[in-house]
Every structure is written in structure tokens, then in C-alpha cells.
PDB file of all heavy atoms in Angstrom:
ATOM      1  N   PRO A   1      28.062  -9.999  42.242  1.00  0.00           N
ATOM      2  CA  PRO A   1      27.636 -11.356  41.921  1.00  0.00           C
ATOM      3  C   PRO A   1      28.705 -12.239  41.306  1.00  0.00           C
ATOM      4  O   PRO A   1      28.485 -13.423  41.090  1.00  0.00           O
ATOM      5  CB  PRO A   1      26.544 -11.106  40.876  1.00  0.00           C
ATOM      6  CG  PRO A   1      27.076  -9.938  40.098  1.00  0.00           C
ATOM      7  CD  PRO A   1      27.791  -9.073  41.111  1.00  0.00           C
ATOM      8  N   THR A   2      29.871 -11.664  41.006  1.00  0.00           N
ATOM      9  CA  THR A   2      30.792 -12.362  40.105  1.00  0.00           C
ATOM     10  C   THR A   2      31.498 -13.548  40.740  1.00  0.00           C
ATOM     11  O   THR A   2      31.901 -14.470  40.033  1.00  0.00           O
ATOM     12  CB  THR A   2      31.834 -11.388  39.537  1.00  0.00           C
ATOM     13  OG1 THR A   2      32.631 -10.859  40.614  1.00  0.00           O
ATOM     14  CG2 THR A   2      31.161 -10.243  38.798  1.00  0.00           C
ATOM     15  N   HIS A   3      31.680 -13.551  42.069  1.00  0.00           N
ATOM     16  CA  HIS A   3      32.319 -14.711  42.707  1.00  0.00           C
ATOM     17  C   HIS A   3      31.437 -15.949  42.590  1.00  0.00           C
ATOM     18  O   HIS A   3      31.943 -17.071  42.489  1.00  0.00           O
ATOM     19  CB  HIS A   3      32.624 -14.424  44.172  1.00  0.00           C
ATOM     20  CG  HIS A   3      33.688 -13.395  44.392  1.00  0.00           C
ATOM     21  ND1 HIS A   3      34.682 -13.153  43.481  1.00  0.00           N
ATOM     22  CD2 HIS A   3      33.906 -12.557  45.437  1.00  0.00           C
ATOM     23  CE1 HIS A   3      35.481 -12.194  43.953  1.00  0.00           C
ATOM     24  NE2 HIS A   3      35.021 -11.823  45.134  1.00  0.00           N
ATOM     25  N   ALA A   4      30.124 -15.761  42.622  1.00  0.00           N
ATOM     26  CA  ALA A   4      29.201 -16.884  42.477  1.00  0.00           C
ATOM     27  C   ALA A   4      28.964 -17.224  41.009  1.00  0.00           C
ATOM     28  O   ALA A   4      29.080 -18.375  40.588  1.00  0.00           O
ATOM     29  CB  ALA A   4      27.878 -16.564  43.170  1.00  0.00           C
ATOM     30  N   LEU A   5      28.646 -16.199  40.203  1.00  0.00           N
ATOM     31  CA  LEU A   5      28.362 -16.441  38.791  1.00  0.00           C
ATOM     32  C   LEU A   5      29.603 -16.859  38.015  1.00  0.00           C
ATOM     33  O   LEU A   5      29.533 -17.704  37.118  1.00  0.00           O
ATOM     34  CB  LEU A   5      27.770 -15.174  38.162  1.00  0.00           C
ATOM     35  CG  LEU A   5      26.309 -14.882  38.492  1.00  0.00           C
ATOM     36  CD1 LEU A   5      25.945 -13.463  38.058  1.00  0.00           C
ATOM     37  CD2 LEU A   5      25.393 -15.888  37.820  1.00  0.00           C
ATOM     38  N   GLY A   6      30.746 -16.280  38.350  1.00  0.00           N
ATOM     39  CA  GLY A   6      31.970 -16.604  37.620  1.00  0.00           C
ATOM     40  C   GLY A   6      32.385 -18.045  37.782  1.00  0.00           C
ATOM     41  O   GLY A   6      32.950 -18.643  36.850  1.00  0.00           O
ATOM     42  N   GLY A   7      32.116 -18.614  38.941  1.00  0.00           N
ATOM     43  CA  GLY A   7      32.457 -20.016  39.148  1.00  0.00           C
ATOM     44  C   GLY A   7      31.579 -20.952  38.352  1.00  0.00           C
ATOM     45  O   GLY A   7      32.026 -21.992  37.870  1.00  0.00           O
ATOM     46  N   ILE A   8      30.300 -20.593  38.207  1.00  0.00           N
ATOM     47  CA  ILE A   8      29.379 -21.416  37.422  1.00  0.00           C
ATOM     48  C   ILE A   8      29.665 -21.255  35.926  1.00  0.00           C
ATOM     49  O   ILE A   8      29.910 -22.224  35.200  1.00  0.00           O
ATOM     50  CB  ILE A   8      27.916 -21.022  37.703  1.00  0.00           C
ATOM     51  CG1 ILE A   8      27.530 -21.355  39.142  1.00  0.00           C
ATOM     52  CG2 ILE A   8      26.974 -21.732  36.731  1.00  0.00           C
ATOM     53  CD1 ILE A   8      26.180 -20.797  39.551  1.00  0.00           C
ATOM     54  N   LEU A   9      29.643 -20.012  35.463  1.00  0.00           N
ATOM     55  CA  LEU A   9      29.756 -19.751  34.030  1.00  0.00           C
ATOM     56  C   LEU A   9      31.187 -19.938  33.525  1.00  0.00           C
ATOM     57  O   LEU A   9      31.396 -20.093  32.315  1.00  0.00           O
ATOM     58  CB  LEU A   9      29.263 -18.344  33.718  1.00  0.00           C
ATOM     59  CG  LEU A   9      27.793 -18.087  34.077  1.00  0.00           C
ATOM     60  CD1 LEU A   9      27.410 -16.644  33.782  1.00  0.00           C
ATOM     61  CD2 LEU A   9      26.870 -19.050  33.338  1.00  0.00           C
ATOM     62  N   GLY A  10      32.155 -19.934  34.428  1.00  0.00           N
ATOM     63  CA  GLY A  10      33.528 -20.217  34.031  1.00  0.00           C
ATOM     64  C   GLY A  10      33.730 -21.657  33.622  1.00  0.00           C
ATOM     65  O   GLY A  10      34.743 -21.994  32.985  1.00  0.00           O
ATOM     66  N   ALA A  11      32.781 -22.512  33.976  1.00  0.00           N
ATOM     67  CA  ALA A  11      32.846 -23.923  33.585  1.00  0.00           C
ATOM     68  C   ALA A  11      31.758 -24.292  32.591  1.00  0.00           C
ATOM     69  O   ALA A  11      32.006 -24.953  31.584  1.00  0.00           O
ATOM     70  CB  ALA A  11      32.728 -24.813  34.824  1.00  0.00           C
ATOM     71  N   TRP A  12      30.543 -23.857  32.863  1.00  0.00           N
ATOM     72  CA  TRP A  12      29.391 -24.179  32.011  1.00  0.00           C
ATOM     73  C   TRP A  12      29.305 -23.143  30.894  1.00  0.00           C
ATOM     74  O   TRP A  12      29.142 -21.952  31.146  1.00  0.00           O
ATOM     75  CB  TRP A  12      28.128 -24.151  32.866  1.00  0.00           C
ATOM     76  CG  TRP A  12      26.873 -24.645  32.210  1.00  0.00           C
ATOM     77  CD1 TRP A  12      26.721 -25.074  30.928  1.00  0.00           C
ATOM     78  CD2 TRP A  12      25.577 -24.743  32.830  1.00  0.00           C
ATOM     79  NE1 TRP A  12      25.403 -25.445  30.709  1.00  0.00           N
ATOM     80  CE2 TRP A  12      24.688 -25.259  31.857  1.00  0.00           C
ATOM     81  CE3 TRP A  12      25.091 -24.450  34.104  1.00  0.00           C
ATOM     82  CZ2 TRP A  12      23.341 -25.481  32.131  1.00  0.00           C
ATOM     83  CZ3 TRP A  12      23.750 -24.674  34.372  1.00  0.00           C
ATOM     84  CH2 TRP A  12      22.882 -25.186  33.407  1.00  0.00           C
ATOM     85  N   GLN A  13      29.393 -23.563  29.687  1.00  0.00           N
ATOM     86  CA  GLN A  13      29.396 -22.635  28.550  1.00  0.00           C
ATOM     87  C   GLN A  13      27.974 -22.206  28.209  1.00  0.00           C
ATOM     88  O   GLN A  13      27.369 -22.638  27.233  1.00  0.00           O
ATOM     89  CB  GLN A  13      30.070 -23.307  27.349  1.00  0.00           C
ATOM     90  CG  GLN A  13      31.483 -23.781  27.632  1.00  0.00           C
ATOM     91  CD  GLN A  13      32.380 -22.670  28.154  1.00  0.00           C
ATOM     92  OE1 GLN A  13      32.517 -21.634  27.523  1.00  0.00           O
ATOM     93  NE2 GLN A  13      32.987 -22.882  29.315  1.00  0.00           N
ATOM     94  N   THR A  14      27.456 -21.314  29.060  1.00  0.00           N
ATOM     95  CA  THR A  14      26.110 -20.788  28.865  1.00  0.00           C
ATOM     96  C   THR A  14      26.065 -19.380  29.425  1.00  0.00           C
ATOM     97  O   THR A  14      27.100 -18.828  29.841  1.00  0.00           O
ATOM     98  CB  THR A  14      25.059 -21.688  29.549  1.00  0.00           C
ATOM     99  OG1 THR A  14      23.742 -21.257  29.167  1.00  0.00           O
ATOM    100  CG2 THR A  14      25.196 -21.667  31.056  1.00  0.00           C
ATOM    101  N   HIS A  15      24.894 -18.764  29.448  1.00  0.00           N
ATOM    102  CA  HIS A  15      24.728 -17.472  30.092  1.00  0.00           C
ATOM    103  C   HIS A  15      23.281 -17.363  30.558  1.00  0.00           C
ATOM    104  O   HIS A  15      22.419 -18.159  30.168  1.00  0.00           O
ATOM    105  CB  HIS A  15      25.092 -16.317  29.152  1.00  0.00           C
ATOM    106  CG  HIS A  15      24.245 -16.243  27.921  1.00  0.00           C
ATOM    107  ND1 HIS A  15      24.545 -16.946  26.771  1.00  0.00           N
ATOM    108  CD2 HIS A  15      23.102 -15.550  27.635  1.00  0.00           C
ATOM    109  CE1 HIS A  15      23.649 -16.692  25.844  1.00  0.00           C
ATOM    110  NE2 HIS A  15      22.750 -15.852  26.342  1.00  0.00           N
ATOM    111  N   ALA A  16      23.020 -16.397  31.416  1.00  0.00           N
ATOM    112  CA  ALA A  16      21.688 -16.226  31.986  1.00  0.00           C
ATOM    113  C   ALA A  16      20.788 -15.454  31.039  1.00  0.00           C
ATOM    114  O   ALA A  16      21.215 -14.475  30.421  1.00  0.00           O
ATOM    115  CB  ALA A  16      21.783 -15.492  33.320  1.00  0.00           C
ATOM    116  N   VAL A  17      19.532 -15.888  30.921  1.00  0.00           N
ATOM    117  CA  VAL A  17      18.572 -15.181  30.067  1.00  0.00           C
ATOM    118  C   VAL A  17      17.400 -14.591  30.851  1.00  0.00           C
ATOM    119  O   VAL A  17      16.715 -13.705  30.351  1.00  0.00           O
ATOM    120  CB  VAL A  17      18.047 -16.102  28.940  1.00  0.00           C
ATOM    121  CG1 VAL A  17      19.188 -16.520  28.019  1.00  0.00           C
ATOM    122  CG2 VAL A  17      17.337 -17.321  29.497  1.00  0.00           C
ATOM    123  N   SER A  18      17.165 -15.071  32.068  1.00  0.00           N
ATOM    124  CA  SER A  18      16.140 -14.469  32.919  1.00  0.00           C
ATOM    125  C   SER A  18      16.452 -14.800  34.363  1.00  0.00           C
ATOM    126  O   SER A  18      17.262 -15.691  34.649  1.00  0.00           O
ATOM    127  CB  SER A  18      14.736 -14.965  32.547  1.00  0.00           C
ATOM    128  OG  SER A  18      14.551 -16.321  32.920  1.00  0.00           O
ATOM    129  N   VAL A  19      15.797 -14.091  35.296  1.00  0.00           N
ATOM    130  CA  VAL A  19      16.083 -14.289  36.716  1.00  0.00           C
ATOM    131  C   VAL A  19      14.875 -13.908  37.557  1.00  0.00           C
ATOM    132  O   VAL A  19      14.097 -13.026  37.213  1.00  0.00           O
ATOM    133  CB  VAL A  19      17.306 -13.451  37.154  1.00  0.00           C
ATOM    134  CG1 VAL A  19      17.031 -11.944  36.986  1.00  0.00           C
ATOM    135  CG2 VAL A  19      17.717 -13.759  38.590  1.00  0.00           C
ATOM    136  N   SER A  20      14.758 -14.607  38.683  1.00  0.00           N
ATOM    137  CA  SER A  20      13.852 -14.236  39.767  1.00  0.00           C
ATOM    138  C   SER A  20      14.654 -14.288  41.047  1.00  0.00           C
ATOM    139  O   SER A  20      15.347 -15.279  41.300  1.00  0.00           O
ATOM    140  CB  SER A  20      12.661 -15.189  39.843  1.00  0.00           C
ATOM    141  OG  SER A  20      11.837 -14.870  40.945  1.00  0.00           O
ATOM    142  N   ALA A  21      14.591 -13.228  41.841  1.00  0.00           N
ATOM    143  CA  ALA A  21      15.448 -13.152  43.024  1.00  0.00           C
ATOM    144  C   ALA A  21      14.668 -12.670  44.245  1.00  0.00           C
ATOM    145  O   ALA A  21      13.700 -11.915  44.125  1.00  0.00           O
ATOM    146  CB  ALA A  21      16.628 -12.221  42.769  1.00  0.00           C
ATOM    147  N   ILE A  22      15.136 -13.095  45.410  1.00  0.00           N
ATOM    148  CA  ILE A  22      14.541 -12.706  46.685  1.00  0.00           C
ATOM    149  C   ILE A  22      15.636 -12.146  47.582  1.00  0.00           C
ATOM    150  O   ILE A  22      16.698 -12.762  47.740  1.00  0.00           O
ATOM    151  CB  ILE A  22      13.875 -13.902  47.393  1.00  0.00           C
ATOM    152  CG1 ILE A  22      12.749 -14.487  46.531  1.00  0.00           C
ATOM    153  CG2 ILE A  22      13.361 -13.494  48.771  1.00  0.00           C
ATOM    154  CD1 ILE A  22      11.585 -13.551  46.318  1.00  0.00           C
ATOM    155  N   GLY A  23      15.394 -10.981  48.161  1.00  0.00           N
ATOM    156  CA  GLY A  23      16.313 -10.402  49.129  1.00  0.00           C
ATOM    157  C   GLY A  23      15.770 -10.535  50.538  1.00  0.00           C
ATOM    158  O   GLY A  23      14.551 -10.536  50.748  1.00  0.00           O
ATOM    159  N   VAL A  24      16.691 -10.666  51.496  1.00  0.00           N
ATOM    160  CA  VAL A  24      16.304 -10.770  52.906  1.00  0.00           C
ATOM    161  C   VAL A  24      16.733  -9.495  53.617  1.00  0.00           C
ATOM    162  O   VAL A  24      17.924  -9.170  53.676  1.00  0.00           O
ATOM    163  CB  VAL A  24      16.972 -11.987  53.575  1.00  0.00           C
ATOM    164  CG1 VAL A  24      16.584 -12.061  55.045  1.00  0.00           C
ATOM    165  CG2 VAL A  24      16.595 -13.269  52.846  1.00  0.00           C
ATOM    166  N   ALA A  25      15.760  -8.755  54.150  1.00  0.00           N
ATOM    167  CA  ALA A  25      16.070  -7.514  54.855  1.00  0.00           C
ATOM    168  C   ALA A  25      16.818  -7.812  56.143  1.00  0.00           C
ATOM    169  O   ALA A  25      16.487  -8.750  56.873  1.00  0.00           O
ATOM    170  CB  ALA A  25      14.786  -6.749  55.149  1.00  0.00           C
ATOM    171  N   ASP A  26      17.820  -7.016  56.429  1.00  0.00           N
ATOM    172  CA  ASP A  26      18.662  -7.235  57.607  1.00  0.00           C
ATOM    173  C   ASP A  26      17.924  -6.839  58.881  1.00  0.00           C
ATOM    174  O   ASP A  26      17.074  -5.945  58.867  1.00  0.00           O
ATOM    175  CB  ASP A  26      19.940  -6.411  57.470  1.00  0.00           C
ATOM    176  CG  ASP A  26      21.009  -6.844  58.446  1.00  0.00           C
ATOM    177  OD1 ASP A  26      21.314  -8.050  58.491  1.00  0.00           O
ATOM    178  OD2 ASP A  26      21.533  -5.991  59.186  1.00  0.00           O
ATOM    179  N   ASP A  27      18.271  -7.524  59.990  1.00  0.00           N
ATOM    180  CA  ASP A  27      17.616  -7.195  61.257  1.00  0.00           C
ATOM    181  C   ASP A  27      18.623  -6.979  62.386  1.00  0.00           C
ATOM    182  O   ASP A  27      18.247  -6.977  63.553  1.00  0.00           O
ATOM    183  CB  ASP A  27      16.617  -8.292  61.645  1.00  0.00           C
ATOM    184  CG  ASP A  27      17.281  -9.650  61.888  1.00  0.00           C
ATOM    185  OD1 ASP A  27      18.512  -9.768  61.709  1.00  0.00           O
ATOM    186  OD2 ASP A  27      16.555 -10.601  62.251  1.00  0.00           O
ATOM    187  N   ARG A  28      19.924  -6.780  62.035  1.00  0.00           N
ATOM    188  CA  ARG A  28      20.938  -6.591  63.076  1.00  0.00           C
ATOM    189  C   ARG A  28      20.718  -5.281  63.829  1.00  0.00           C
ATOM    190  O   ARG A  28      20.970  -5.206  65.027  1.00  0.00           O
ATOM    191  CB  ARG A  28      22.333  -6.617  62.447  1.00  0.00           C
ATOM    192  CG  ARG A  28      23.488  -6.336  63.419  1.00  0.00           C
ATOM    193  CD  ARG A  28      23.744  -7.479  64.385  1.00  0.00           C
ATOM    194  NE  ARG A  28      24.307  -8.628  63.713  1.00  0.00           N
ATOM    195  CZ  ARG A  28      25.613  -8.822  63.506  1.00  0.00           C
ATOM    196  NH1 ARG A  28      26.485  -7.913  63.907  1.00  0.00           N
ATOM    197  NH2 ARG A  28      26.036  -9.915  62.911  1.00  0.00           N
ATOM    198  N   GLY A  29      20.321  -4.231  63.112  1.00  0.00           N
ATOM    199  CA  GLY A  29      20.048  -2.966  63.773  1.00  0.00           C
ATOM    200  C   GLY A  29      21.267  -2.182  64.197  1.00  0.00           C
ATOM    201  O   GLY A  29      21.201  -1.397  65.151  1.00  0.00           O
ATOM    202  N   ASP A  30      22.390  -2.367  63.494  1.00  0.00           N
ATOM    203  CA  ASP A  30      23.618  -1.662  63.871  1.00  0.00           C
ATOM    204  C   ASP A  30      23.971  -0.537  62.887  1.00  0.00           C
ATOM    205  O   ASP A  30      25.083  -0.021  62.893  1.00  0.00           O
ATOM    206  CB  ASP A  30      24.788  -2.627  63.994  1.00  0.00           C
ATOM    207  CG  ASP A  30      25.151  -3.313  62.679  1.00  0.00           C
ATOM    208  OD1 ASP A  30      24.442  -3.104  61.670  1.00  0.00           O
ATOM    209  OD2 ASP A  30      26.158  -4.062  62.656  1.00  0.00           O
ATOM    210  N   GLY A  31      23.017  -0.169  62.027  1.00  0.00           N
ATOM    211  CA  GLY A  31      23.268   0.908  61.085  1.00  0.00           C
ATOM    212  C   GLY A  31      23.838   0.459  59.762  1.00  0.00           C
ATOM    213  O   GLY A  31      23.951   1.249  58.827  1.00  0.00           O
ATOM    214  N   VAL A  32      24.225  -0.822  59.657  1.00  0.00           N
ATOM    215  CA  VAL A  32      24.660  -1.392  58.386  1.00  0.00           C
ATOM    216  C   VAL A  32      23.449  -2.085  57.768  1.00  0.00           C
ATOM    217  O   VAL A  32      22.674  -2.731  58.471  1.00  0.00           O
ATOM    218  CB  VAL A  32      25.813  -2.384  58.595  1.00  0.00           C
ATOM    219  CG1 VAL A  32      26.205  -3.041  57.271  1.00  0.00           C
ATOM    220  CG2 VAL A  32      27.013  -1.680  59.200  1.00  0.00           C
ATOM    221  N   PHE A  33      23.286  -1.963  56.472  1.00  0.00           N
ATOM    222  CA  PHE A  33      22.084  -2.429  55.780  1.00  0.00           C
ATOM    223  C   PHE A  33      20.832  -1.734  56.329  1.00  0.00           C
ATOM    224  O   PHE A  33      19.781  -2.339  56.502  1.00  0.00           O
ATOM    225  CB  PHE A  33      21.945  -3.949  55.870  1.00  0.00           C
ATOM    226  CG  PHE A  33      23.092  -4.706  55.273  1.00  0.00           C
ATOM    227  CD1 PHE A  33      23.941  -5.452  56.066  1.00  0.00           C
ATOM    228  CD2 PHE A  33      23.335  -4.663  53.907  1.00  0.00           C
ATOM    229  CE1 PHE A  33      25.008  -6.152  55.525  1.00  0.00           C
ATOM    230  CE2 PHE A  33      24.399  -5.344  53.349  1.00  0.00           C
ATOM    231  CZ  PHE A  33      25.243  -6.093  54.158  1.00  0.00           C
ATOM    232  N   ASP A  34      20.994  -0.462  56.603  1.00  0.00           N
ATOM    233  CA  ASP A  34      19.888   0.394  57.038  1.00  0.00           C
ATOM    234  C   ASP A  34      19.601   1.365  55.890  1.00  0.00           C
ATOM    235  O   ASP A  34      20.470   2.133  55.474  1.00  0.00           O
ATOM    236  CB  ASP A  34      20.302   1.156  58.298  1.00  0.00           C
ATOM    237  CG  ASP A  34      19.202   2.033  58.858  1.00  0.00           C
ATOM    238  OD1 ASP A  34      18.378   2.533  58.065  1.00  0.00           O
ATOM    239  OD2 ASP A  34      19.184   2.246  60.084  1.00  0.00           O
ATOM    240  N   LYS A  35      18.395   1.332  55.346  1.00  0.00           N
ATOM    241  CA  LYS A  35      18.056   2.169  54.195  1.00  0.00           C
ATOM    242  C   LYS A  35      18.312   3.652  54.439  1.00  0.00           C
ATOM    243  O   LYS A  35      18.662   4.395  53.520  1.00  0.00           O
ATOM    244  CB  LYS A  35      16.595   1.963  53.795  1.00  0.00           C
ATOM    245  CG  LYS A  35      16.332   0.717  52.988  1.00  0.00           C
ATOM    246  CD  LYS A  35      14.900   0.706  52.482  1.00  0.00           C
ATOM    247  CE  LYS A  35      14.640  -0.494  51.567  1.00  0.00           C
ATOM    248  NZ  LYS A  35      13.255  -0.495  51.056  1.00  0.00           N
ATOM    249  N   ASP A  36      18.125   4.085  55.677  1.00  0.00           N
ATOM    250  CA  ASP A  36      18.307   5.498  55.978  1.00  0.00           C
ATOM    251  C   ASP A  36      19.775   5.895  56.052  1.00  0.00           C
ATOM    252  O   ASP A  36      20.099   7.091  55.993  1.00  0.00           O
ATOM    253  CB  ASP A  36      17.621   5.849  57.304  1.00  0.00           C
ATOM    254  CG  ASP A  36      16.112   5.714  57.226  1.00  0.00           C
ATOM    255  OD1 ASP A  36      15.575   5.890  56.117  1.00  0.00           O
ATOM    256  OD2 ASP A  36      15.492   5.414  58.261  1.00  0.00           O
ATOM    257  N   VAL A  37      20.660   4.917  56.189  1.00  0.00           N
ATOM    258  CA  VAL A  37      22.105   5.169  56.276  1.00  0.00           C
ATOM    259  C   VAL A  37      22.792   4.843  54.954  1.00  0.00           C
ATOM    260  O   VAL A  37      23.735   5.509  54.538  1.00  0.00           O
ATOM    261  CB  VAL A  37      22.736   4.330  57.413  1.00  0.00           C
ATOM    262  CG1 VAL A  37      24.247   4.505  57.452  1.00  0.00           C
ATOM    263  CG2 VAL A  37      22.114   4.703  58.754  1.00  0.00           C
ATOM    264  N   SER A  38      22.285   3.830  54.284  1.00  0.00           N
ATOM    265  CA  SER A  38      22.920   3.282  53.080  1.00  0.00           C
ATOM    266  C   SER A  38      22.943   4.265  51.924  1.00  0.00           C
ATOM    267  O   SER A  38      21.913   4.857  51.573  1.00  0.00           O
ATOM    268  CB  SER A  38      22.166   2.019  52.646  1.00  0.00           C
ATOM    269  OG  SER A  38      22.604   1.584  51.379  1.00  0.00           O
ATOM    270  N   MET A  39      24.100   4.437  51.284  1.00  0.00           N
ATOM    271  CA  MET A  39      24.175   5.269  50.084  1.00  0.00           C
ATOM    272  C   MET A  39      23.499   4.586  48.900  1.00  0.00           C
ATOM    273  O   MET A  39      23.291   5.194  47.852  1.00  0.00           O
ATOM    274  CB  MET A  39      25.641   5.597  49.738  1.00  0.00           C
ATOM    275  CG  MET A  39      26.492   4.420  49.344  1.00  0.00           C
ATOM    276  SD  MET A  39      28.190   4.910  48.873  1.00  0.00           S
ATOM    277  CE  MET A  39      27.901   5.691  47.278  1.00  0.00           C
ATOM    278  N   PHE A  40      23.144   3.308  49.063  1.00  0.00           N
ATOM    279  CA  PHE A  40      22.461   2.547  48.016  1.00  0.00           C
ATOM    280  C   PHE A  40      20.982   2.323  48.357  1.00  0.00           C
ATOM    281  O   PHE A  40      20.293   1.596  47.642  1.00  0.00           O
ATOM    282  CB  PHE A  40      23.138   1.190  47.835  1.00  0.00           C
ATOM    283  CG  PHE A  40      24.633   1.267  47.747  1.00  0.00           C
ATOM    284  CD1 PHE A  40      25.423   0.963  48.844  1.00  0.00           C
ATOM    285  CD2 PHE A  40      25.258   1.680  46.576  1.00  0.00           C
ATOM    286  CE1 PHE A  40      26.802   1.053  48.777  1.00  0.00           C
ATOM    287  CE2 PHE A  40      26.639   1.764  46.499  1.00  0.00           C
ATOM    288  CZ  PHE A  40      27.417   1.458  47.609  1.00  0.00           C
ATOM    289  N   ALA A  41      20.514   2.913  49.474  1.00  0.00           N
ATOM    290  CA  ALA A  41      19.143   2.702  49.955  1.00  0.00           C
ATOM    291  C   ALA A  41      18.841   1.211  50.051  1.00  0.00           C
ATOM    292  O   ALA A  41      17.742   0.752  49.704  1.00  0.00           O
ATOM    293  CB  ALA A  41      18.132   3.401  49.052  1.00  0.00           C
TER     294      ALA A  41
END
């Protein structure tokens, strides 16, 4: 996350206190971002 967060927080003198996030499941089907292949599930 640091390329995105570092650019914001590197200028704005604040920090995050809570978060809500949404992930988009991949649909390429080439074995990348596949839960059964991924070492990170």
C-alpha cells in the first residue's frame, strides 16, 4: 500500500484511524490471483 499511502501521508500530516475496503476477485483465469495457486490464498 505504500506507493499510494506514502504519497498522501507524505504531504498531509495525518494518519489513518479506520478503514473500509473492497477487493475485486480476478477473472483472467491464468493461474495468477487463483486461491488454489496463491501462497497468500
